Amino acid sequence: MTTTQFQVTGMTCGHCEMSVREEVQEVAGVTGVQVSHQTGQLSVTSAEPVDKAAVIAAVEEAGYQVVRSA
């Protein structure tokens, strides 16, 4: 199990979190998503290392931007 952290900008409420969660959950290999509009933190868990570009694209599809990933 691996966890990848992302910093997301633009989220202001629980609905924002839900939008990001729904998009990121569709990325191949993702098994869990934790997101906080208060901190901008997005944690993605997966069995194998996740495709960061796919996660970033999913966040952008939800209408937000990743400013940093670790």
N, C-alpha and C. Protein backbone atom coordinates (compact mmCIF):
# COMPACT_ATOMS: atom_id res chain seq x y z
N MET A 1 0.85 -1.18 0.00
CA MET A 1 0.00 0.00 0.00
C MET A 1 0.89 1.24 0.00
N THR A 2 0.61 2.15 -0.90
CA THR A 2 1.36 3.40 -0.95
C THR A 2 0.39 4.57 -0.81
N THR A 3 0.90 5.66 -0.24
CA THR A 3 0.11 6.89 -0.11
C THR A 3 0.87 8.01 -0.78
N THR A 4 0.19 8.75 -1.63
CA THR A 4 0.78 9.87 -2.34
C THR A 4 0.04 11.13 -1.93
N GLN A 5 0.79 12.18 -1.60
CA GLN A 5 0.21 13.44 -1.13
C GLN A 5 0.23 14.48 -2.24
N PHE A 6 -0.83 15.26 -2.29
CA PHE A 6 -0.93 16.37 -3.24
C PHE A 6 -1.45 17.59 -2.49
N GLN A 7 -1.05 18.77 -2.95
CA GLN A 7 -1.57 20.02 -2.41
C GLN A 7 -2.46 20.62 -3.49
N VAL A 8 -3.73 20.86 -3.15
CA VAL A 8 -4.72 21.33 -4.12
C VAL A 8 -5.17 22.73 -3.74
N THR A 9 -5.33 23.61 -4.73
CA THR A 9 -5.83 24.97 -4.46
C THR A 9 -7.23 25.12 -5.04
N GLY A 10 -7.98 26.03 -4.45
CA GLY A 10 -9.29 26.39 -4.97
C GLY A 10 -10.48 25.77 -4.25
N MET A 11 -10.26 24.80 -3.39
CA MET A 11 -11.37 24.17 -2.69
C MET A 11 -11.81 25.05 -1.52
N THR A 12 -13.13 25.22 -1.36
CA THR A 12 -13.63 26.09 -0.30
C THR A 12 -14.68 25.42 0.59
N CYS A 13 -15.15 24.22 0.22
CA CYS A 13 -16.24 23.62 0.98
C CYS A 13 -16.28 22.10 0.80
N GLY A 14 -17.22 21.49 1.50
CA GLY A 14 -17.39 20.04 1.41
C GLY A 14 -17.76 19.58 0.01
N HIS A 15 -18.50 20.40 -0.72
CA HIS A 15 -18.86 20.02 -2.09
C HIS A 15 -17.61 19.95 -2.97
N CYS A 16 -16.68 20.86 -2.73
CA CYS A 16 -15.40 20.83 -3.46
C CYS A 16 -14.68 19.52 -3.19
N GLU A 17 -14.64 19.13 -1.92
CA GLU A 17 -14.00 17.87 -1.54
C GLU A 17 -14.65 16.70 -2.27
N MET A 18 -15.98 16.69 -2.30
CA MET A 18 -16.71 15.60 -2.94
C MET A 18 -16.38 15.53 -4.43
N SER A 19 -16.31 16.67 -5.08
CA SER A 19 -15.99 16.70 -6.52
C SER A 19 -14.61 16.11 -6.78
N VAL A 20 -13.62 16.52 -5.98
CA VAL A 20 -12.26 16.00 -6.14
C VAL A 20 -12.24 14.50 -5.86
N ARG A 21 -12.88 14.08 -4.76
CA ARG A 21 -12.90 12.67 -4.37
C ARG A 21 -13.50 11.81 -5.49
N GLU A 22 -14.63 12.24 -6.04
CA GLU A 22 -15.29 11.46 -7.09
C GLU A 22 -14.41 11.29 -8.32
N GLU A 23 -13.72 12.35 -8.73
CA GLU A 23 -12.86 12.27 -9.92
C GLU A 23 -11.63 11.40 -9.66
N VAL A 24 -10.98 11.60 -8.51
CA VAL A 24 -9.74 10.87 -8.21
C VAL A 24 -10.01 9.39 -8.00
N GLN A 25 -11.17 9.03 -7.45
CA GLN A 25 -11.49 7.62 -7.23
C GLN A 25 -11.57 6.84 -8.54
N GLU A 26 -11.77 7.54 -9.65
CA GLU A 26 -11.86 6.88 -10.96
C GLU A 26 -10.49 6.57 -11.57
N VAL A 27 -9.42 7.09 -10.99
CA VAL A 27 -8.07 6.83 -11.50
C VAL A 27 -7.72 5.37 -11.23
N ALA A 28 -7.18 4.71 -12.24
CA ALA A 28 -6.83 3.29 -12.12
C ALA A 28 -5.88 3.05 -10.95
N GLY A 29 -6.22 2.06 -10.12
CA GLY A 29 -5.36 1.66 -9.02
C GLY A 29 -5.63 2.35 -7.70
N VAL A 30 -6.42 3.43 -7.71
CA VAL A 30 -6.70 4.16 -6.48
C VAL A 30 -7.65 3.34 -5.61
N THR A 31 -7.26 3.17 -4.34
CA THR A 31 -8.09 2.41 -3.40
C THR A 31 -8.70 3.29 -2.32
N GLY A 32 -8.17 4.50 -2.14
CA GLY A 32 -8.71 5.40 -1.13
C GLY A 32 -8.33 6.83 -1.40
N VAL A 33 -9.22 7.76 -1.00
CA VAL A 33 -8.98 9.18 -1.20
C VAL A 33 -9.39 9.93 0.06
N GLN A 34 -8.49 10.72 0.60
CA GLN A 34 -8.78 11.63 1.71
C GLN A 34 -8.49 13.04 1.21
N VAL A 35 -9.44 13.95 1.41
CA VAL A 35 -9.25 15.31 0.91
C VAL A 35 -9.83 16.30 1.93
N SER A 36 -9.14 17.42 2.12
CA SER A 36 -9.59 18.46 3.05
C SER A 36 -9.55 19.82 2.37
N HIS A 37 -10.71 20.47 2.31
CA HIS A 37 -10.72 21.82 1.72
C HIS A 37 -10.05 22.81 2.65
N GLN A 38 -10.00 22.51 3.95
CA GLN A 38 -9.40 23.43 4.92
C GLN A 38 -7.88 23.51 4.76
N THR A 39 -7.24 22.37 4.51
CA THR A 39 -5.78 22.35 4.38
C THR A 39 -5.32 22.27 2.93
N GLY A 40 -6.22 21.85 2.03
CA GLY A 40 -5.85 21.65 0.64
C GLY A 40 -5.14 20.34 0.41
N GLN A 41 -5.07 19.50 1.44
CA GLN A 41 -4.35 18.24 1.33
C GLN A 41 -5.21 17.17 0.66
N LEU A 42 -4.60 16.45 -0.26
CA LEU A 42 -5.21 15.31 -0.92
C LEU A 42 -4.27 14.13 -0.74
N SER A 43 -4.77 13.06 -0.10
CA SER A 43 -3.98 11.84 0.09
C SER A 43 -4.64 10.74 -0.71
N VAL A 44 -3.84 10.10 -1.57
CA VAL A 44 -4.34 9.03 -2.42
C VAL A 44 -3.63 7.74 -2.05
N THR A 45 -4.39 6.72 -1.71
CA THR A 45 -3.80 5.42 -1.40
C THR A 45 -4.05 4.46 -2.55
N SER A 46 -3.06 3.58 -2.76
CA SER A 46 -3.14 2.62 -3.85
C SER A 46 -2.23 1.43 -3.53
N ALA A 47 -2.51 0.31 -4.16
CA ALA A 47 -1.69 -0.89 -3.94
C ALA A 47 -0.29 -0.69 -4.54
N GLU A 48 -0.24 -0.09 -5.70
CA GLU A 48 1.01 0.20 -6.40
C GLU A 48 1.14 1.73 -6.51
N PRO A 49 2.34 2.25 -6.75
CA PRO A 49 2.47 3.70 -6.93
C PRO A 49 1.49 4.21 -8.00
N VAL A 50 0.78 5.27 -7.65
CA VAL A 50 -0.26 5.80 -8.53
C VAL A 50 0.37 6.68 -9.61
N ASP A 51 -0.31 6.78 -10.74
CA ASP A 51 0.12 7.65 -11.83
C ASP A 51 -0.21 9.09 -11.44
N LYS A 52 0.80 9.84 -11.03
CA LYS A 52 0.58 11.21 -10.56
C LYS A 52 -0.08 12.08 -11.62
N ALA A 53 0.31 11.90 -12.87
CA ALA A 53 -0.28 12.70 -13.95
C ALA A 53 -1.78 12.44 -14.06
N ALA A 54 -2.20 11.20 -13.85
CA ALA A 54 -3.62 10.86 -13.91
C ALA A 54 -4.38 11.49 -12.76
N VAL A 55 -3.78 11.52 -11.57
CA VAL A 55 -4.42 12.15 -10.41
C VAL A 55 -4.54 13.65 -10.65
N ILE A 56 -3.47 14.26 -11.13
CA ILE A 56 -3.50 15.70 -11.41
C ILE A 56 -4.57 16.02 -12.45
N ALA A 57 -4.68 15.20 -13.49
CA ALA A 57 -5.71 15.40 -14.51
C ALA A 57 -7.11 15.27 -13.90
N ALA A 58 -7.30 14.34 -12.97
CA ALA A 58 -8.60 14.16 -12.33
C ALA A 58 -8.95 15.37 -11.47
N VAL A 59 -7.97 15.91 -10.75
CA VAL A 59 -8.20 17.11 -9.94
C VAL A 59 -8.59 18.28 -10.85
N GLU A 60 -7.89 18.42 -11.97
CA GLU A 60 -8.20 19.49 -12.92
C GLU A 60 -9.58 19.30 -13.53
N GLU A 61 -9.97 18.05 -13.77
CA GLU A 61 -11.31 17.75 -14.30
C GLU A 61 -12.38 18.21 -13.32
N ALA A 62 -12.07 18.11 -12.02
CA ALA A 62 -13.00 18.55 -10.98
C ALA A 62 -13.03 20.08 -10.85
N GLY A 63 -12.07 20.76 -11.50
CA GLY A 63 -12.06 22.22 -11.49
C GLY A 63 -11.06 22.86 -10.56
N TYR A 64 -10.06 22.09 -10.11
CA TYR A 64 -9.07 22.60 -9.15
C TYR A 64 -7.68 22.35 -9.68
N GLN A 65 -6.68 22.85 -8.96
CA GLN A 65 -5.30 22.70 -9.41
C GLN A 65 -4.42 22.06 -8.33
N VAL A 66 -3.54 21.17 -8.78
CA VAL A 66 -2.51 20.63 -7.89
C VAL A 66 -1.31 21.57 -7.98
N VAL A 67 -0.87 22.06 -6.83
CA VAL A 67 0.29 22.96 -6.83
C VAL A 67 1.56 22.25 -6.40
N ARG A 68 1.40 21.05 -5.78
CA ARG A 68 2.59 20.32 -5.34
C ARG A 68 2.19 18.88 -5.09
N SER A 69 3.09 17.98 -5.42
CA SER A 69 2.86 16.56 -5.11
C SER A 69 4.12 15.99 -4.47
N ALA A 70 3.93 14.99 -3.63
CA ALA A 70 5.07 14.37 -2.95
C ALA A 70 4.93 12.86 -3.01
